[in-house]
Protein backbone atom coordinates (compact mmCIF):
# COMPACT_ATOMS: atom_id res chain seq x y z
CA MET A 1 -106.94 -81.10 44.93
CA PHE A 2 -105.67 -84.33 43.35
CA GLN A 3 -104.87 -84.23 39.75
CA ASP A 4 -105.44 -87.58 37.94
CA GLN A 5 -102.59 -89.93 38.46
CA ARG A 6 -102.23 -93.54 37.23
CA PHE A 7 -99.29 -95.94 37.86
CA PHE A 8 -98.43 -99.15 35.90
CA GLN A 9 -100.46 -98.28 32.96
CA ASP A 10 -97.52 -98.95 30.54
CA PRO A 11 -97.30 -102.45 29.05
CA PHE A 12 -93.86 -103.04 30.58
CA PRO A 13 -92.66 -105.90 32.79
CA PHE A 14 -91.89 -105.66 36.34
CA PHE A 15 -88.39 -106.40 37.78
CA LYS A 16 -87.94 -107.68 41.30
CA GLY A 17 -84.87 -106.39 43.08
CA ASN A 18 -83.33 -105.86 46.43
CA LEU A 19 -81.64 -102.52 47.24
CA HIS A 20 -79.82 -103.30 50.45
CA CYS A 21 -77.42 -106.19 50.54
CA HIS A 22 -74.18 -107.19 52.36
CA SER A 23 -71.68 -109.54 51.17
CA GLN A 24 -68.19 -110.79 52.49
CA VAL A 25 -66.83 -107.47 51.27
CA SER A 26 -67.95 -106.07 54.62
CA ASP A 27 -69.99 -108.19 57.16
CA GLY A 28 -72.21 -110.57 55.12
CA LYS A 29 -72.05 -114.30 55.32
CA PHE A 30 -71.96 -115.07 51.49
CA SER A 31 -69.75 -113.98 48.72
CA ARG A 32 -71.21 -111.67 46.01
CA ARG A 33 -71.30 -114.59 43.49
CA GLU A 34 -73.13 -116.76 46.05
CA ILE A 35 -75.63 -113.92 46.73
CA VAL A 36 -76.39 -113.42 43.07
CA GLU A 37 -77.14 -117.02 42.44
CA ARG A 38 -79.31 -117.38 45.52
CA TYR A 39 -81.49 -114.17 44.43
CA LYS A 40 -81.72 -115.36 40.98
CA GLN A 41 -83.30 -118.65 42.11
CA HIS A 42 -85.86 -116.54 44.01
CA GLY A 43 -86.98 -114.67 40.90
CA TYR A 44 -84.96 -111.48 41.44
CA SER A 45 -83.58 -109.49 38.51
CA PHE A 46 -81.31 -107.03 40.30
CA LEU A 47 -79.44 -106.32 43.51
CA ALA A 48 -77.77 -103.27 45.03
CA PHE A 49 -74.63 -104.42 46.79
CA SER A 50 -74.42 -101.93 49.64
CA ASP A 51 -71.47 -103.13 51.62
CA HIS A 52 -70.39 -100.97 54.60
CA GLU A 53 -68.09 -97.99 53.70
CA LYS A 54 -66.75 -99.38 50.51
CA PHE A 55 -68.17 -98.69 47.01
CA VAL A 56 -67.62 -101.86 44.70
CA VAL A 57 -68.78 -102.38 41.15
CA SER A 58 -69.75 -106.01 40.51
CA SER A 59 -70.59 -105.93 36.78
CA GLU A 60 -68.54 -109.20 36.21
CA LEU A 61 -71.51 -111.16 37.90
CA GLU A 62 -74.25 -109.75 35.66
CA THR A 63 -76.04 -111.76 33.09
CA PRO A 64 -78.66 -110.88 30.51
CA ASP A 65 -81.34 -111.67 33.14
CA PHE A 66 -79.68 -110.08 36.23
CA ILE A 67 -77.86 -106.83 36.91
CA THR A 68 -76.25 -105.12 39.87
CA LEU A 69 -76.53 -101.56 41.07
CA PRO A 70 -73.28 -100.34 42.57
CA ALA A 71 -73.95 -98.82 46.02
CA VAL A 72 -72.43 -98.34 49.61
CA GLU A 73 -73.95 -97.95 52.99
CA TRP A 74 -72.19 -95.12 54.94
CA ALA A 75 -72.65 -94.67 58.59
CA THR A 76 -71.89 -91.94 61.25
CA ASP A 77 -72.30 -93.07 64.98
CA HIS A 78 -73.42 -91.10 68.16
CA VAL A 79 -71.42 -92.85 71.01
CA CYS A 80 -71.55 -92.15 74.66
CA GLY A 81 -68.84 -93.79 76.43
CA ASP A 82 -68.97 -97.56 75.39
CA ILE A 83 -72.79 -97.12 74.42
CA TRP A 84 -73.82 -97.01 70.85
CA MET A 85 -76.71 -94.52 71.13
CA GLN A 86 -77.69 -93.66 67.57
CA THR A 87 -76.38 -93.98 64.01
CA HIS A 88 -77.28 -92.64 60.57
CA HIS A 89 -76.93 -95.15 57.77
CA ILE A 90 -76.98 -93.38 54.45
CA HIS A 91 -77.31 -95.50 51.36
CA GLY A 92 -75.81 -94.12 48.06
CA ILE A 93 -76.65 -96.00 44.84
CA MET A 94 -75.05 -95.16 41.42
CA GLY A 95 -77.24 -92.96 39.20
CA THR A 96 -77.87 -93.00 35.49
CA GLN A 97 -75.14 -92.43 32.98
CA GLU A 98 -76.51 -88.90 32.66
CA MET A 99 -76.23 -88.35 36.27
CA LEU A 100 -72.73 -89.39 36.29
CA ARG A 101 -71.84 -87.13 33.36
CA ASN A 102 -73.44 -84.25 35.04
CA ALA A 103 -71.76 -85.02 38.42
CA LYS A 104 -70.23 -81.92 40.08
CA LYS A 105 -67.41 -84.03 41.36
CA GLU A 106 -65.64 -87.17 40.30
CA PRO A 107 -67.78 -90.18 40.50
CA LEU A 108 -67.19 -92.98 42.93
CA HIS A 109 -64.99 -95.74 41.55
CA SER A 110 -64.81 -99.36 42.47
CA GLY A 111 -62.79 -99.82 45.74
CA ASP A 112 -63.45 -96.26 46.99
CA SER A 113 -63.94 -96.10 50.63
CA MET A 114 -66.10 -93.43 52.55
CA PRO A 115 -64.46 -90.84 54.64
CA ARG A 116 -65.20 -91.04 58.39
CA LEU A 117 -67.41 -88.26 59.67
CA SER A 118 -68.08 -87.09 63.25
CA TRP A 119 -71.72 -87.10 64.48
CA ARG A 120 -73.30 -83.68 64.04
CA GLY A 121 -76.95 -84.90 63.72
CA LYS A 122 -78.88 -83.48 60.88
CA ALA A 123 -75.97 -81.63 59.59
CA THR A 124 -74.02 -84.82 59.07
CA VAL A 125 -77.02 -86.42 57.16
CA LYS A 126 -77.07 -83.29 54.72
CA GLU A 127 -73.21 -83.64 54.35
CA MET A 128 -73.47 -87.27 53.47
CA ALA A 129 -76.42 -86.82 51.06
CA ALA A 130 -74.64 -84.00 49.26
CA TYR A 131 -71.54 -86.02 48.95
CA PHE A 132 -73.55 -88.67 47.29
CA ARG A 133 -75.54 -86.35 45.02
CA GLU A 134 -72.34 -84.45 43.82
CA ARG A 135 -70.91 -87.57 42.58
CA GLY A 136 -74.07 -88.74 40.61
CA ASN A 137 -75.64 -91.10 43.22
CA PHE A 138 -79.28 -91.18 44.62
CA CYS A 139 -79.76 -91.47 48.32
CA ILE A 140 -81.90 -93.67 50.68
CA TYR A 141 -82.16 -93.29 54.37
CA ASN A 142 -81.93 -96.71 56.02
CA HIS A 143 -83.66 -98.43 58.87
CA PRO A 144 -84.37 -95.41 61.33
CA VAL A 145 -85.98 -97.41 63.98
CA TRP A 146 -83.04 -99.74 64.29
CA SER A 147 -80.79 -96.79 64.14
CA ARG A 148 -82.75 -95.20 67.18
CA THR A 149 -83.21 -91.99 65.07
CA GLU A 150 -86.55 -90.23 64.75
CA PRO A 151 -87.65 -87.68 62.01
CA VAL A 152 -86.34 -84.84 64.18
CA ASP A 153 -82.89 -86.34 63.91
CA PHE A 154 -82.63 -86.46 60.29
CA GLY A 155 -84.69 -83.48 59.15
CA ASP A 156 -86.54 -83.00 55.98
CA LEU A 157 -84.56 -85.61 54.02
CA ASP A 158 -83.88 -83.00 51.34
CA GLY A 159 -82.13 -84.83 48.42
CA PHE A 160 -83.18 -88.24 49.44
CA THR A 161 -85.17 -90.39 46.94
CA ALA A 162 -86.49 -92.83 49.59
CA LEU A 163 -87.03 -93.88 53.17
CA GLU A 164 -86.53 -97.57 54.12
CA ILE A 165 -89.91 -98.36 55.58
CA TYR A 166 -89.22 -102.09 55.88
CA ASN A 167 -85.81 -103.76 56.60
CA HIS A 168 -86.15 -107.58 56.86
CA GLY A 169 -82.75 -107.91 58.61
CA CYS A 170 -83.69 -105.48 61.29
CA ASN A 171 -87.09 -107.07 61.61
CA VAL A 172 -85.65 -110.65 62.33
CA GLU A 173 -83.07 -109.43 64.70
CA ASN A 174 -85.00 -107.21 67.02
CA HIS A 175 -88.28 -106.21 65.38
CA THR A 176 -87.09 -102.79 64.39
CA GLY A 177 -87.70 -103.16 60.68
CA TYR A 178 -90.81 -101.14 60.19
CA ALA A 179 -90.62 -97.39 59.65
CA ASP A 180 -93.96 -96.52 58.00
CA LEU A 181 -95.00 -94.19 60.81
CA TYR A 182 -91.90 -92.21 60.14
CA TRP A 183 -92.86 -92.17 56.44
CA ASP A 184 -96.29 -90.63 57.42
CA HIS A 185 -94.78 -88.06 59.54
CA LEU A 186 -92.54 -86.85 56.72
CA LEU A 187 -95.30 -87.00 54.32
CA SER A 188 -97.66 -85.02 56.57
CA GLN A 189 -94.90 -82.29 56.92
CA GLY A 190 -94.74 -81.94 53.11
CA VAL A 191 -91.71 -83.93 52.43
CA ARG A 192 -92.16 -85.75 48.92
CA ILE A 193 -90.21 -89.09 49.37
CA HIS A 194 -90.64 -92.60 48.16
CA ALA A 195 -90.39 -95.84 50.26
CA VAL A 196 -88.51 -99.13 49.84
CA ALA A 197 -88.61 -102.47 51.40
CA THR A 198 -85.37 -104.42 51.65
CA ASP A 199 -83.63 -107.35 53.06
CA ASP A 200 -80.23 -106.06 54.53
CA ASN A 201 -78.94 -109.64 53.96
CA HIS A 202 -76.26 -110.35 56.59
CA ASN A 203 -77.42 -113.90 57.24
CA LYS A 204 -75.38 -114.25 60.40
CA GLY A 205 -78.13 -114.27 62.95
CA GLU A 206 -80.60 -116.80 64.22
CA ALA A 207 -82.93 -116.38 61.16
CA GLU A 208 -82.05 -115.75 57.59
CA ASP A 209 -82.44 -112.21 56.41
CA SER A 210 -82.92 -112.78 52.65
CA PHE A 211 -85.89 -112.69 50.47
CA GLY A 212 -88.08 -110.88 52.98
CA GLY A 213 -88.47 -107.33 51.48
CA TRP A 214 -88.17 -106.12 47.93
CA ILE A 215 -89.27 -103.62 45.27
CA MET A 216 -91.00 -104.26 42.07
CA VAL A 217 -89.91 -101.83 39.38
CA GLN A 218 -91.93 -101.38 36.03
CA ALA A 219 -89.61 -100.55 33.43
CA PRO A 220 -88.97 -100.94 29.64
CA GLU A 221 -85.91 -103.04 29.92
CA LEU A 222 -83.66 -104.56 32.45
CA SER A 223 -80.72 -102.11 32.56
CA ARG A 224 -79.15 -99.76 35.11
CA ASP A 225 -80.35 -96.64 33.57
CA SER A 226 -83.89 -97.96 33.13
CA LEU A 227 -84.29 -99.29 36.55
CA VAL A 228 -82.74 -96.21 38.20
CA GLU A 229 -84.85 -93.76 36.07
CA ASN A 230 -88.06 -95.59 37.21
CA ILE A 231 -86.92 -95.87 40.86
CA LEU A 232 -86.39 -92.13 40.79
CA SER A 233 -89.83 -91.46 39.39
CA GLY A 234 -91.57 -93.68 41.88
CA ASN A 235 -92.74 -96.16 39.25
CA TYR A 236 -92.47 -99.17 41.52
CA TYR A 237 -94.04 -100.68 44.61
CA SER A 238 -92.48 -102.26 47.72
CA SER A 239 -93.56 -105.67 49.13
CA THR A 240 -93.06 -108.36 51.60
CA GLY A 241 -95.54 -110.70 49.62
CA PRO A 242 -98.67 -109.18 47.82
CA GLN A 243 -98.59 -107.68 44.33
CA ILE A 244 -99.90 -104.33 43.13
CA TYR A 245 -101.11 -104.45 39.60
CA GLU A 246 -102.37 -100.78 39.22
CA TYR A 247 -103.03 -97.79 41.43
CA GLY A 248 -103.87 -94.21 41.22
CA ILE A 249 -106.39 -91.51 41.67
CA VAL A 250 -109.03 -90.53 38.97
CA ASN A 251 -111.83 -87.80 39.36
CA GLY A 252 -110.82 -87.47 43.09
CA THR A 253 -111.09 -91.20 43.90
CA ALA A 254 -108.14 -93.25 44.80
CA TYR A 255 -108.03 -96.97 43.83
CA VAL A 256 -105.82 -99.95 43.73
CA THR A 257 -106.01 -103.38 42.01
CA CYS A 258 -103.92 -106.04 43.58
CA SER A 259 -103.34 -109.80 44.18
CA GLY A 260 -105.80 -111.28 46.58
CA VAL A 261 -105.44 -109.85 50.16
CA HIS A 262 -107.27 -109.59 53.43
CA HIS A 263 -107.72 -105.81 53.70
CA ILE A 264 -106.46 -102.66 51.98
CA ASN A 265 -105.51 -99.43 53.81
CA PHE A 266 -105.72 -95.92 52.21
CA ILE A 267 -103.53 -93.73 54.49
CA ALA A 268 -103.99 -90.19 54.10
CA GLY A 269 -102.82 -86.86 55.61
CA GLY A 270 -104.83 -83.78 56.32
CA TYR A 271 -108.05 -83.81 58.31
CA VAL A 272 -109.01 -85.94 61.42
CA CYS A 273 -110.06 -89.45 60.46
CA ALA A 274 -108.78 -89.25 56.89
CA GLY A 275 -108.26 -92.49 55.22
CA TYR A 276 -110.17 -95.75 54.90
CA CYS A 277 -109.81 -99.52 55.40
CA LYS A 278 -111.44 -101.99 53.13
CA TRP A 279 -111.90 -105.54 54.47
CA SER A 280 -112.75 -108.77 52.80
CA GLN A 281 -115.99 -110.02 53.64
CA ASP A 282 -114.93 -113.72 54.18
CA GLY A 283 -111.73 -113.12 56.17
CA GLU A 284 -109.65 -114.53 53.42
CA ASN A 285 -107.48 -113.15 50.75
CA SER A 286 -110.27 -112.55 48.44
CA LEU A 287 -109.99 -108.67 48.16
CA THR A 288 -108.43 -107.52 44.81
CA HIS A 289 -109.89 -103.96 44.38
CA ALA A 290 -110.77 -100.99 46.63
CA GLU A 291 -111.57 -97.31 46.22
CA TYR A 292 -111.38 -94.33 48.51
CA THR A 293 -112.57 -90.68 48.03
CA PRO A 294 -111.14 -88.08 50.50
CA GLN A 295 -113.77 -85.69 51.88
CA GLY A 296 -111.28 -82.82 52.42
CA PRO A 297 -107.65 -81.79 51.88
CA ALA A 298 -105.47 -84.80 52.34
CA GLY A 299 -102.01 -83.73 51.21
CA TYR A 300 -101.18 -87.19 50.20
CA ILE A 301 -102.64 -90.76 49.83
CA ARG A 302 -100.69 -93.89 50.03
CA ILE A 303 -102.01 -97.45 49.88
CA GLU A 304 -101.22 -100.79 51.59
CA CYS A 305 -102.42 -104.21 50.48
CA VAL A 306 -102.12 -106.57 53.36
CA ASP A 307 -102.84 -110.39 53.17
CA LYS A 308 -104.11 -112.58 56.07
CA PHE A 309 -100.70 -113.51 56.99
CA GLY A 310 -99.55 -109.84 57.61
CA LYS A 311 -97.57 -109.50 54.48
CA ILE A 312 -97.87 -106.11 52.84
CA ALA A 313 -97.44 -104.32 49.52
CA TRP A 314 -96.96 -100.56 49.88
CA SER A 315 -97.58 -98.03 47.01
CA ASN A 316 -95.64 -94.93 46.77
CA PRO A 317 -97.70 -91.76 47.58
CA LEU A 318 -100.15 -89.93 45.31
CA TYR A 319 -99.78 -86.18 46.04
CA GLU A 320 -102.40 -83.52 46.23
CA GLU A 321 -101.55 -80.31 44.31
CA MET A 322 -102.08 -77.57 46.85
CA GLY A 323 -103.64 -74.40 45.47
CA PRO A 324 -105.98 -71.49 46.58
CA ASN A 325 -109.22 -73.69 46.50
CA THR A 326 -107.59 -76.77 48.27
């Protein structure tokens, strides 16, 4: 059965941020300083710079209203001849000060490069995740559809905080940005994992890949530790447009309150035909609340708020506590 769960009840602000961003340190178009200024102009409060294979701290770019989360995107590739068949892109983001203090190995330092690993499928994914966690970082699995990997290729994602279910750069490049079906596959198998929407932010293609996907973190203050703690606990939502004001489940009924949207999807696991879609009656963005009561064991429920332009806000999952009467 579902225990009562409520998100965004605290009277704390939301902070808008992008967790996947490339600069001139690797293959991005803009310098890190230029990127910070661009994102500040679009209402963002934080960025994770995740340049390829190199961990760089950019605290000199921070201001009282904008912070950076040191990170790195680490890849291992499956190549057949001259053809790039698959790749794992694992995202390591610096954890809290407590996580760094308790790290089993020396934390990463600015300028550190990631070692090159051979392709061993799921075994390499686990090795990369362990490498990050042992050094006080948390992990995200990036853009699996673009990478031509499937859940069978990366296993149960043990030790990962989130799956990247929307990557704006991948979507404007070749429409491989959405991975919500993969998320549902993992959730239905009992894997408890959050989701994130991001940009990627190379800005070297035909269309700009900035400001298209983000997360909104509710936190008491704008600091690295506060943001990371609330990301790890799932106290945020992901979006390409709409806003989620509150969601949860009370007395067995899931609910959401949001900005005006065209329809709201409750996606659930468990039995055939579980879930529900609530539609606005006028075909406009006039729907701001919906509820759903599952009729059997569902395992999880997650919520999507979709406007008439196809922009989506995703909640993190509500989990059913499985017991003898479930």
